[in-house]
C-alpha atoms as a PDB file:
ATOM      1  CA  MET A   1    -101.534 -15.816  10.146  1.00  0.00           C
ATOM      2  CA  LEU A   2     -99.946 -17.938  12.842  1.00  0.00           C
ATOM      3  CA  VAL A   3     -98.329 -16.363  15.883  1.00  0.00           C
ATOM      4  CA  ILE A   4     -96.465 -18.498  18.411  1.00  0.00           C
ATOM      5  CA  TYR A   5     -95.232 -16.826  21.548  1.00  0.00           C
ATOM      6  CA  TYR A   6     -92.917 -18.186  24.221  1.00  0.00           C
ATOM      7  CA  GLY A   7     -93.101 -15.868  27.199  1.00  0.00           C
ATOM      8  CA  GLU A   8     -89.476 -15.701  28.351  1.00  0.00           C
ATOM      9  CA  GLY A   9     -88.745 -12.725  26.124  1.00  0.00           C
ATOM     10  CA  ALA A  10     -85.409 -13.773  24.603  1.00  0.00           C
ATOM     11  CA  GLY A  11     -86.725 -13.616  21.043  1.00  0.00           C
ATOM     12  CA  ARG A  12     -86.135 -17.246  20.086  1.00  0.00           C
ATOM     13  CA  THR A  13     -89.658 -17.767  18.771  1.00  0.00           C
ATOM     14  CA  GLY A  14     -89.503 -14.518  16.819  1.00  0.00           C
ATOM     15  CA  LEU A  15     -86.171 -15.551  15.349  1.00  0.00           C
ATOM     16  CA  MET A  16     -87.685 -18.799  14.081  1.00  0.00           C
ATOM     17  CA  ALA A  17     -90.679 -16.888  12.711  1.00  0.00           C
ATOM     18  CA  THR A  18     -88.230 -14.558  10.952  1.00  0.00           C
ATOM     19  CA  VAL A  19     -86.408 -17.525   9.419  1.00  0.00           C
ATOM     20  CA  LEU A  20     -89.670 -19.110   8.253  1.00  0.00           C
ATOM     21  CA  ARG A  21     -90.848 -15.904   6.608  1.00  0.00           C
ATOM     22  CA  LEU A  22     -87.486 -15.388   4.885  1.00  0.00           C
ATOM     23  CA  LYS A  23     -87.546 -18.984   3.638  1.00  0.00           C
ATOM     24  CA  ALA A  24     -91.058 -18.357   2.318  1.00  0.00           C
ATOM     25  CA  GLY A  25     -89.616 -15.666   0.060  1.00  0.00           C
ATOM     26  CA  LYS A  26     -90.639 -12.565   1.989  1.00  0.00           C
ATOM     27  CA  GLN A  27     -88.451  -9.481   1.713  1.00  0.00           C
ATOM     28  CA  TRP A  28     -86.225  -8.609   4.685  1.00  0.00           C
ATOM     29  CA  GLN A  29     -87.758  -5.188   5.428  1.00  0.00           C
ATOM     30  CA  SER A  30     -91.257  -6.640   5.359  1.00  0.00           C
ATOM     31  CA  VAL A  31     -90.261  -9.495   7.668  1.00  0.00           C
ATOM     32  CA  ALA A  32     -88.424  -7.216  10.104  1.00  0.00           C
ATOM     33  CA  SER A  33     -91.362  -4.783  10.319  1.00  0.00           C
ATOM     34  CA  TYR A  34     -93.866  -7.582  10.783  1.00  0.00           C
ATOM     35  CA  ILE A  35     -91.925  -9.381  13.523  1.00  0.00           C
ATOM     36  CA  GLN A  36     -91.115  -6.193  15.428  1.00  0.00           C
ATOM     37  CA  ALA A  37     -94.758  -5.090  15.247  1.00  0.00           C
ATOM     38  CA  LEU A  38     -95.678  -8.248  17.151  1.00  0.00           C
ATOM     39  CA  GLY A  39     -93.665  -6.934  20.085  1.00  0.00           C
ATOM     40  CA  SER A  40     -90.889  -9.489  19.915  1.00  0.00           C
ATOM     41  CA  ASN A  41     -87.363  -8.851  21.214  1.00  0.00           C
ATOM     42  CA  THR A  42     -86.174 -10.544  18.064  1.00  0.00           C
ATOM     43  CA  LEU A  43     -84.004  -8.451  15.802  1.00  0.00           C
ATOM     44  CA  THR A  44     -82.932  -6.250  18.695  1.00  0.00           C
ATOM     45  CA  LEU A  45     -80.241  -8.623  19.946  1.00  0.00           C
ATOM     46  CA  PRO A  46     -76.835  -8.718  18.220  1.00  0.00           C
ATOM     47  CA  SER A  47     -76.849 -12.523  18.220  1.00  0.00           C
ATOM     48  CA  HIS A  48     -80.099 -12.587  16.243  1.00  0.00           C
ATOM     49  CA  ILE A  49     -78.901 -10.027  13.711  1.00  0.00           C
ATOM     50  CA  GLY A  50     -75.628 -11.931  13.378  1.00  0.00           C
ATOM     51  CA  PHE A  51     -77.476 -15.188  12.740  1.00  0.00           C
ATOM     52  CA  ILE A  52     -79.677 -13.643  10.060  1.00  0.00           C
ATOM     53  CA  ASN A  53     -76.733 -11.901   8.386  1.00  0.00           C
ATOM     54  CA  THR A  54     -74.678 -15.101   8.419  1.00  0.00           C
ATOM     55  CA  HIS A  55     -77.347 -17.406   7.012  1.00  0.00           C
ATOM     56  CA  TYR A  56     -79.482 -15.130   4.809  1.00  0.00           C
ATOM     57  CA  SER A  57     -78.681 -12.466   2.243  1.00  0.00           C
ATOM     58  CA  VAL A  58     -80.376  -9.479   3.803  1.00  0.00           C
END
């Protein structure tokens, strides 16, 4: 497991981790649970959800 954290709290690092896990073939629910369990703000912001919905079939 690799966790990269950028301390500003906007969720950019978590968004990239989400993208990498989706590209690796992980299922959306598994990815979302994993990323949120790390304490990231990712997937709580409308812009992040919009990006994922636009670029990935979740």
